[in-house]
Amino acid sequence: MGIIVNLDVMMAKRKKGLSELAGEVDLTLANLSILKNNKAKAIRFSTLDAICKALDCQPGDILEYVEEEEEIDGNE
């Protein structure tokens, strides 16, 4: 897993929709949706800064590190 994006949680807490947030942070709906659905490979600090300002939160409220589980091989 690695990094989990909890943008949808913060949006719900702040009662902001995708369109509203996209307008405030100057991102396309498609790019914000990719981030929200945990499909993004990277995020610019300027984008993270804009999201944190719009949602009045800290980066740690949006990004979470989850240690990856090792796959168990049935042949052991």
PDB file of N, CA and C in Angstrom:
ATOM      1  N   MET A   1       0.821  -1.189   0.000  1.00  0.00           N
ATOM      2  CA  MET A   1       0.000   0.000   0.000  1.00  0.00           C
ATOM      3  C   MET A   1       0.863   1.251   0.000  1.00  0.00           C
ATOM      4  N   GLY A   2       1.661   1.481   1.042  1.00  0.00           N
ATOM      5  CA  GLY A   2       2.500   2.661   1.094  1.00  0.00           C
ATOM      6  C   GLY A   2       1.747   3.875   1.600  1.00  0.00           C
ATOM      7  N   ILE A   3       1.609   4.880   0.741  1.00  0.00           N
ATOM      8  CA  ILE A   3       0.935   6.119   1.104  1.00  0.00           C
ATOM      9  C   ILE A   3      -0.547   6.046   0.735  1.00  0.00           C
ATOM     10  N   ILE A   4      -1.399   6.354   1.693  1.00  0.00           N
ATOM     11  CA  ILE A   4      -2.840   6.385   1.487  1.00  0.00           C
ATOM     12  C   ILE A   4      -3.287   7.846   1.485  1.00  0.00           C
ATOM     13  N   VAL A   5      -4.120   8.206   0.535  1.00  0.00           N
ATOM     14  CA  VAL A   5      -4.650   9.562   0.460  1.00  0.00           C
ATOM     15  C   VAL A   5      -6.057   9.564   1.056  1.00  0.00           C
ATOM     16  N   ASN A   6      -6.218  10.311   2.147  1.00  0.00           N
ATOM     17  CA  ASN A   6      -7.511  10.400   2.834  1.00  0.00           C
ATOM     18  C   ASN A   6      -8.236  11.708   2.491  1.00  0.00           C
ATOM     19  N   LEU A   7      -8.105  12.133   1.254  1.00  0.00           N
ATOM     20  CA  LEU A   7      -8.719  13.385   0.829  1.00  0.00           C
ATOM     21  C   LEU A   7     -10.236  13.331   0.963  1.00  0.00           C
ATOM     22  N   ASP A   8     -10.829  12.210   0.626  1.00  0.00           N
ATOM     23  CA  ASP A   8     -12.288  12.089   0.709  1.00  0.00           C
ATOM     24  C   ASP A   8     -12.784  12.260   2.147  1.00  0.00           C
ATOM     25  N   VAL A   9     -12.002  11.791   3.113  1.00  0.00           N
ATOM     26  CA  VAL A   9     -12.374  11.928   4.527  1.00  0.00           C
ATOM     27  C   VAL A   9     -12.381  13.395   4.928  1.00  0.00           C
ATOM     28  N   MET A  10     -11.321  14.116   4.561  1.00  0.00           N
ATOM     29  CA  MET A  10     -11.233  15.536   4.907  1.00  0.00           C
ATOM     30  C   MET A  10     -12.300  16.351   4.181  1.00  0.00           C
ATOM     31  N   MET A  11     -12.584  15.985   2.942  1.00  0.00           N
ATOM     32  CA  MET A  11     -13.636  16.685   2.200  1.00  0.00           C
ATOM     33  C   MET A  11     -14.983  16.496   2.896  1.00  0.00           C
ATOM     34  N   ALA A  12     -15.252  15.300   3.357  1.00  0.00           N
ATOM     35  CA  ALA A  12     -16.509  15.023   4.056  1.00  0.00           C
ATOM     36  C   ALA A  12     -16.579  15.793   5.368  1.00  0.00           C
ATOM     37  N   LYS A  13     -15.463  15.830   6.104  1.00  0.00           N
ATOM     38  CA  LYS A  13     -15.438  16.564   7.372  1.00  0.00           C
ATOM     39  C   LYS A  13     -15.689  18.054   7.164  1.00  0.00           C
ATOM     40  N   ARG A  14     -15.188  18.583   6.053  1.00  0.00           N
ATOM     41  CA  ARG A  14     -15.344  20.014   5.761  1.00  0.00           C
ATOM     42  C   ARG A  14     -16.575  20.308   4.900  1.00  0.00           C
ATOM     43  N   LYS A  15     -17.297  19.250   4.540  1.00  0.00           N
ATOM     44  CA  LYS A  15     -18.510  19.365   3.723  1.00  0.00           C
ATOM     45  C   LYS A  15     -18.249  20.104   2.410  1.00  0.00           C
ATOM     46  N   LYS A  16     -17.181  19.669   1.720  1.00  0.00           N
ATOM     47  CA  LYS A  16     -16.817  20.236   0.425  1.00  0.00           C
ATOM     48  C   LYS A  16     -16.906  19.159  -0.630  1.00  0.00           C
ATOM     49  N   GLY A  17     -17.506  19.509  -1.737  1.00  0.00           N
ATOM     50  CA  GLY A  17     -17.603  18.590  -2.854  1.00  0.00           C
ATOM     51  C   GLY A  17     -16.385  18.682  -3.752  1.00  0.00           C
ATOM     52  N   LEU A  18     -16.271  17.737  -4.655  1.00  0.00           N
ATOM     53  CA  LEU A  18     -15.141  17.665  -5.570  1.00  0.00           C
ATOM     54  C   LEU A  18     -15.060  18.911  -6.451  1.00  0.00           C
ATOM     55  N   SER A  19     -16.180  19.338  -6.993  1.00  0.00           N
ATOM     56  CA  SER A  19     -16.195  20.516  -7.872  1.00  0.00           C
ATOM     57  C   SER A  19     -15.780  21.775  -7.122  1.00  0.00           C
ATOM     58  N   GLU A  20     -16.296  21.946  -5.923  1.00  0.00           N
ATOM     59  CA  GLU A  20     -15.967  23.122  -5.120  1.00  0.00           C
ATOM     60  C   GLU A  20     -14.473  23.157  -4.793  1.00  0.00           C
ATOM     61  N   LEU A  21     -13.942  22.020  -4.351  1.00  0.00           N
ATOM     62  CA  LEU A  21     -12.526  21.964  -4.001  1.00  0.00           C
ATOM     63  C   LEU A  21     -11.649  22.154  -5.233  1.00  0.00           C
ATOM     64  N   ALA A  22     -12.026  21.559  -6.343  1.00  0.00           N
ATOM     65  CA  ALA A  22     -11.248  21.699  -7.575  1.00  0.00           C
ATOM     66  C   ALA A  22     -11.138  23.168  -7.975  1.00  0.00           C
ATOM     67  N   GLY A  23     -12.220  23.904  -7.841  1.00  0.00           N
ATOM     68  CA  GLY A  23     -12.203  25.324  -8.158  1.00  0.00           C
ATOM     69  C   GLY A  23     -11.311  26.114  -7.216  1.00  0.00           C
ATOM     70  N   GLU A  24     -11.337  25.763  -5.950  1.00  0.00           N
ATOM     71  CA  GLU A  24     -10.541  26.484  -4.948  1.00  0.00           C
ATOM     72  C   GLU A  24      -9.049  26.230  -5.089  1.00  0.00           C
ATOM     73  N   VAL A  25      -8.671  25.039  -5.505  1.00  0.00           N
ATOM     74  CA  VAL A  25      -7.244  24.709  -5.603  1.00  0.00           C
ATOM     75  C   VAL A  25      -6.735  24.765  -7.043  1.00  0.00           C
ATOM     76  N   ASP A  26      -7.596  25.137  -7.958  1.00  0.00           N
ATOM     77  CA  ASP A  26      -7.234  25.286  -9.373  1.00  0.00           C
ATOM     78  C   ASP A  26      -6.684  23.996  -9.976  1.00  0.00           C
ATOM     79  N   LEU A  27      -7.428  22.908  -9.754  1.00  0.00           N
ATOM     80  CA  LEU A  27      -7.126  21.611 -10.362  1.00  0.00           C
ATOM     81  C   LEU A  27      -8.327  21.171 -11.188  1.00  0.00           C
ATOM     82  N   THR A  28      -8.073  20.358 -12.196  1.00  0.00           N
ATOM     83  CA  THR A  28      -9.202  19.812 -12.947  1.00  0.00           C
ATOM     84  C   THR A  28      -9.910  18.775 -12.085  1.00  0.00           C
ATOM     85  N   LEU A  29     -11.174  18.563 -12.369  1.00  0.00           N
ATOM     86  CA  LEU A  29     -11.925  17.527 -11.654  1.00  0.00           C
ATOM     87  C   LEU A  29     -11.264  16.167 -11.825  1.00  0.00           C
ATOM     88  N   ALA A  30     -10.763  15.905 -13.023  1.00  0.00           N
ATOM     89  CA  ALA A  30     -10.136  14.609 -13.301  1.00  0.00           C
ATOM     90  C   ALA A  30      -8.899  14.405 -12.424  1.00  0.00           C
ATOM     91  N   ASN A  31      -8.043  15.413 -12.335  1.00  0.00           N
ATOM     92  CA  ASN A  31      -6.822  15.273 -11.527  1.00  0.00           C
ATOM     93  C   ASN A  31      -7.129  15.181 -10.039  1.00  0.00           C
ATOM     94  N   LEU A  32      -8.100  15.948  -9.572  1.00  0.00           N
ATOM     95  CA  LEU A  32      -8.477  15.869  -8.165  1.00  0.00           C
ATOM     96  C   LEU A  32      -9.111  14.517  -7.860  1.00  0.00           C
ATOM     97  N   SER A  33      -9.872  13.999  -8.780  1.00  0.00           N
ATOM     98  CA  SER A  33     -10.493  12.686  -8.608  1.00  0.00           C
ATOM     99  C   SER A  33      -9.436  11.588  -8.533  1.00  0.00           C
ATOM    100  N   ILE A  34      -8.407  11.686  -9.355  1.00  0.00           N
ATOM    101  CA  ILE A  34      -7.301  10.717  -9.324  1.00  0.00           C
ATOM    102  C   ILE A  34      -6.645  10.732  -7.951  1.00  0.00           C
ATOM    103  N   LEU A  35      -6.432  11.922  -7.419  1.00  0.00           N
ATOM    104  CA  LEU A  35      -5.834  12.043  -6.089  1.00  0.00           C
ATOM    105  C   LEU A  35      -6.765  11.489  -5.021  1.00  0.00           C
ATOM    106  N   LYS A  36      -8.029  11.855  -5.102  1.00  0.00           N
ATOM    107  CA  LYS A  36      -9.023  11.428  -4.108  1.00  0.00           C
ATOM    108  C   LYS A  36      -9.188   9.906  -4.077  1.00  0.00           C
ATOM    109  N   ASN A  37      -9.079   9.279  -5.236  1.00  0.00           N
ATOM    110  CA  ASN A  37      -9.280   7.836  -5.335  1.00  0.00           C
ATOM    111  C   ASN A  37      -7.986   7.037  -5.166  1.00  0.00           C
ATOM    112  N   ASN A  38      -6.946   7.712  -4.652  1.00  0.00           N
ATOM    113  CA  ASN A  38      -5.684   7.049  -4.335  1.00  0.00           C
ATOM    114  C   ASN A  38      -4.997   6.451  -5.556  1.00  0.00           C
ATOM    115  N   LYS A  39      -5.167   7.078  -6.722  1.00  0.00           N
ATOM    116  CA  LYS A  39      -4.556   6.588  -7.956  1.00  0.00           C
ATOM    117  C   LYS A  39      -3.345   7.420  -8.366  1.00  0.00           C
ATOM    118  N   ALA A  40      -3.092   8.526  -7.655  1.00  0.00           N
ATOM    119  CA  ALA A  40      -1.992   9.422  -8.005  1.00  0.00           C
ATOM    120  C   ALA A  40      -0.647   8.803  -7.653  1.00  0.00           C
ATOM    121  N   LYS A  41       0.344   9.058  -8.477  1.00  0.00           N
ATOM    122  CA  LYS A  41       1.703   8.585  -8.226  1.00  0.00           C
ATOM    123  C   LYS A  41       2.525   9.638  -7.485  1.00  0.00           C
ATOM    124  N   ALA A  42       2.103  10.906  -7.563  1.00  0.00           N
ATOM    125  CA  ALA A  42       2.843  12.001  -6.933  1.00  0.00           C
ATOM    126  C   ALA A  42       1.902  13.177  -6.720  1.00  0.00           C
ATOM    127  N   ILE A  43       2.331  14.107  -5.867  1.00  0.00           N
ATOM    128  CA  ILE A  43       1.584  15.338  -5.653  1.00  0.00           C
ATOM    129  C   ILE A  43       2.604  16.458  -5.454  1.00  0.00           C
ATOM    130  N   ARG A  44       2.374  17.575  -6.085  1.00  0.00           N
ATOM    131  CA  ARG A  44       3.255  18.729  -5.920  1.00  0.00           C
ATOM    132  C   ARG A  44       2.987  19.370  -4.568  1.00  0.00           C
ATOM    133  N   PHE A  45       4.040  19.906  -3.974  1.00  0.00           N
ATOM    134  CA  PHE A  45       3.867  20.598  -2.695  1.00  0.00           C
ATOM    135  C   PHE A  45       2.929  21.784  -2.850  1.00  0.00           C
ATOM    136  N   SER A  46       2.960  22.449  -3.989  1.00  0.00           N
ATOM    137  CA  SER A  46       2.066  23.598  -4.203  1.00  0.00           C
ATOM    138  C   SER A  46       0.609  23.151  -4.216  1.00  0.00           C
ATOM    139  N   THR A  47       0.345  21.966  -4.766  1.00  0.00           N
ATOM    140  CA  THR A  47      -1.014  21.419  -4.772  1.00  0.00           C
ATOM    141  C   THR A  47      -1.424  21.021  -3.370  1.00  0.00           C
ATOM    142  N   LEU A  48      -0.534  20.359  -2.652  1.00  0.00           N
ATOM    143  CA  LEU A  48      -0.811  19.960  -1.275  1.00  0.00           C
ATOM    144  C   LEU A  48      -1.055  21.194  -0.407  1.00  0.00           C
ATOM    145  N   ASP A  49      -0.273  22.237  -0.620  1.00  0.00           N
ATOM    146  CA  ASP A  49      -0.439  23.494   0.108  1.00  0.00           C
ATOM    147  C   ASP A  49      -1.828  24.090  -0.158  1.00  0.00           C
ATOM    148  N   ALA A  50      -2.232  24.114  -1.407  1.00  0.00           N
ATOM    149  CA  ALA A  50      -3.536  24.675  -1.773  1.00  0.00           C
ATOM    150  C   ALA A  50      -4.682  23.859  -1.174  1.00  0.00           C
ATOM    151  N   ILE A  51      -4.554  22.540  -1.184  1.00  0.00           N
ATOM    152  CA  ILE A  51      -5.581  21.668  -0.613  1.00  0.00           C
ATOM    153  C   ILE A  51      -5.675  21.888   0.897  1.00  0.00           C
ATOM    154  N   CYS A  52      -4.527  21.965   1.554  1.00  0.00           N
ATOM    155  CA  CYS A  52      -4.527  22.183   3.005  1.00  0.00           C
ATOM    156  C   CYS A  52      -5.143  23.533   3.368  1.00  0.00           C
ATOM    157  N   LYS A  53      -4.870  24.558   2.572  1.00  0.00           N
ATOM    158  CA  LYS A  53      -5.482  25.869   2.818  1.00  0.00           C
ATOM    159  C   LYS A  53      -6.990  25.799   2.632  1.00  0.00           C
ATOM    160  N   ALA A  54      -7.428  25.155   1.555  1.00  0.00           N
ATOM    161  CA  ALA A  54      -8.861  25.079   1.242  1.00  0.00           C
ATOM    162  C   ALA A  54      -9.626  24.259   2.274  1.00  0.00           C
ATOM    163  N   LEU A  55      -8.983  23.230   2.821  1.00  0.00           N
ATOM    164  CA  LEU A  55      -9.657  22.351   3.777  1.00  0.00           C
ATOM    165  C   LEU A  55      -9.298  22.672   5.225  1.00  0.00           C
ATOM    166  N   ASP A  56      -8.446  23.679   5.414  1.00  0.00           N
ATOM    167  CA  ASP A  56      -8.004  24.084   6.753  1.00  0.00           C
ATOM    168  C   ASP A  56      -7.513  22.871   7.535  1.00  0.00           C
ATOM    169  N   CYS A  57      -6.489  22.204   6.977  1.00  0.00           N
ATOM    170  CA  CYS A  57      -5.960  20.995   7.602  1.00  0.00           C
ATOM    171  C   CYS A  57      -4.451  20.927   7.420  1.00  0.00           C
ATOM    172  N   GLN A  58      -3.843  19.898   7.970  1.00  0.00           N
ATOM    173  CA  GLN A  58      -2.415  19.638   7.846  1.00  0.00           C
ATOM    174  C   GLN A  58      -2.193  18.528   6.807  1.00  0.00           C
ATOM    175  N   PRO A  59      -1.003  18.476   6.187  1.00  0.00           N
ATOM    176  CA  PRO A  59      -0.727  17.398   5.225  1.00  0.00           C
ATOM    177  C   PRO A  59      -0.954  16.005   5.813  1.00  0.00           C
ATOM    178  N   GLY A  60      -0.661  15.837   7.094  1.00  0.00           N
ATOM    179  CA  GLY A  60      -0.865  14.542   7.750  1.00  0.00           C
ATOM    180  C   GLY A  60      -2.325  14.154   7.889  1.00  0.00           C
ATOM    181  N   ASP A  61      -3.231  15.131   7.746  1.00  0.00           N
ATOM    182  CA  ASP A  61      -4.664  14.817   7.758  1.00  0.00           C
ATOM    183  C   ASP A  61      -5.087  14.184   6.436  1.00  0.00           C
ATOM    184  N   ILE A  62      -4.298  14.421   5.393  1.00  0.00           N
ATOM    185  CA  ILE A  62      -4.631  13.938   4.050  1.00  0.00           C
ATOM    186  C   ILE A  62      -3.810  12.709   3.672  1.00  0.00           C
ATOM    187  N   LEU A  63      -2.536  12.722   4.045  1.00  0.00           N
ATOM    188  CA  LEU A  63      -1.630  11.636   3.667  1.00  0.00           C
ATOM    189  C   LEU A  63      -1.318  10.756   4.871  1.00  0.00           C
ATOM    190  N   GLU A  64      -1.333   9.456   4.652  1.00  0.00           N
ATOM    191  CA  GLU A  64      -1.076   8.488   5.720  1.00  0.00           C
ATOM    192  C   GLU A  64      -0.163   7.395   5.188  1.00  0.00           C
ATOM    193  N   TYR A  65       0.827   7.024   5.972  1.00  0.00           N
ATOM    194  CA  TYR A  65       1.708   5.923   5.594  1.00  0.00           C
ATOM    195  C   TYR A  65       1.207   4.632   6.229  1.00  0.00           C
ATOM    196  N   VAL A  66       1.028   3.617   5.400  1.00  0.00           N
ATOM    197  CA  VAL A  66       0.624   2.296   5.872  1.00  0.00           C
ATOM    198  C   VAL A  66       1.671   1.304   5.385  1.00  0.00           C
ATOM    199  N   GLU A  67       2.271   0.593   6.332  1.00  0.00           N
ATOM    200  CA  GLU A  67       3.306  -0.365   5.966  1.00  0.00           C
ATOM    201  C   GLU A  67       2.726  -1.457   5.085  1.00  0.00           C
ATOM    202  N   GLU A  68       3.462  -1.785   4.041  1.00  0.00           N
ATOM    203  CA  GLU A  68       3.006  -2.816   3.115  1.00  0.00           C
ATOM    204  C   GLU A  68       3.154  -4.185   3.747  1.00  0.00           C
ATOM    205  N   GLU A  69       2.147  -5.012   3.554  1.00  0.00           N
ATOM    206  CA  GLU A  69       2.194  -6.379   4.060  1.00  0.00           C
ATOM    207  C   GLU A  69       2.919  -7.245   3.044  1.00  0.00           C
ATOM    208  N   GLU A  70       3.767  -8.130   3.559  1.00  0.00           N
ATOM    209  CA  GLU A  70       4.453  -9.058   2.665  1.00  0.00           C
ATOM    210  C   GLU A  70       3.502 -10.144   2.223  1.00  0.00           C
ATOM    211  N   GLU A  71       3.594 -10.489   0.935  1.00  0.00           N
ATOM    212  CA  GLU A  71       2.741 -11.550   0.437  1.00  0.00           C
ATOM    213  C   GLU A  71       3.254 -12.888   0.968  1.00  0.00           C
ATOM    214  N   ILE A  72       2.346 -13.729   1.370  1.00  0.00           N
ATOM    215  CA  ILE A  72       2.690 -15.033   1.911  1.00  0.00           C
ATOM    216  C   ILE A  72       2.593 -16.050   0.785  1.00  0.00           C
ATOM    217  N   ASP A  73       3.683 -16.760   0.562  1.00  0.00           N
ATOM    218  CA  ASP A  73       3.733 -17.765  -0.485  1.00  0.00           C
ATOM    219  C   ASP A  73       3.256 -19.091   0.100  1.00  0.00           C
ATOM    220  N   GLY A  74       2.295 -19.727  -0.521  1.00  0.00           N
ATOM    221  CA  GLY A  74       1.738 -20.975  -0.034  1.00  0.00           C
ATOM    222  C   GLY A  74       2.670 -22.167  -0.158  1.00  0.00           C
ATOM    223  N   ASN A  75       3.831 -21.987  -0.764  1.00  0.00           N
ATOM    224  CA  ASN A  75       4.765 -23.084  -0.981  1.00  0.00           C
ATOM    225  C   ASN A  75       5.771 -23.239   0.147  1.00  0.00           C
ATOM    226  N   GLU A  76       5.605 -22.549   1.253  1.00  0.00           N
ATOM    227  CA  GLU A  76       6.589 -22.639   2.333  1.00  0.00           C
ATOM    228  C   GLU A  76       6.339 -23.816   3.222  1.00  0.00           C
TER     229      GLU A  76
END
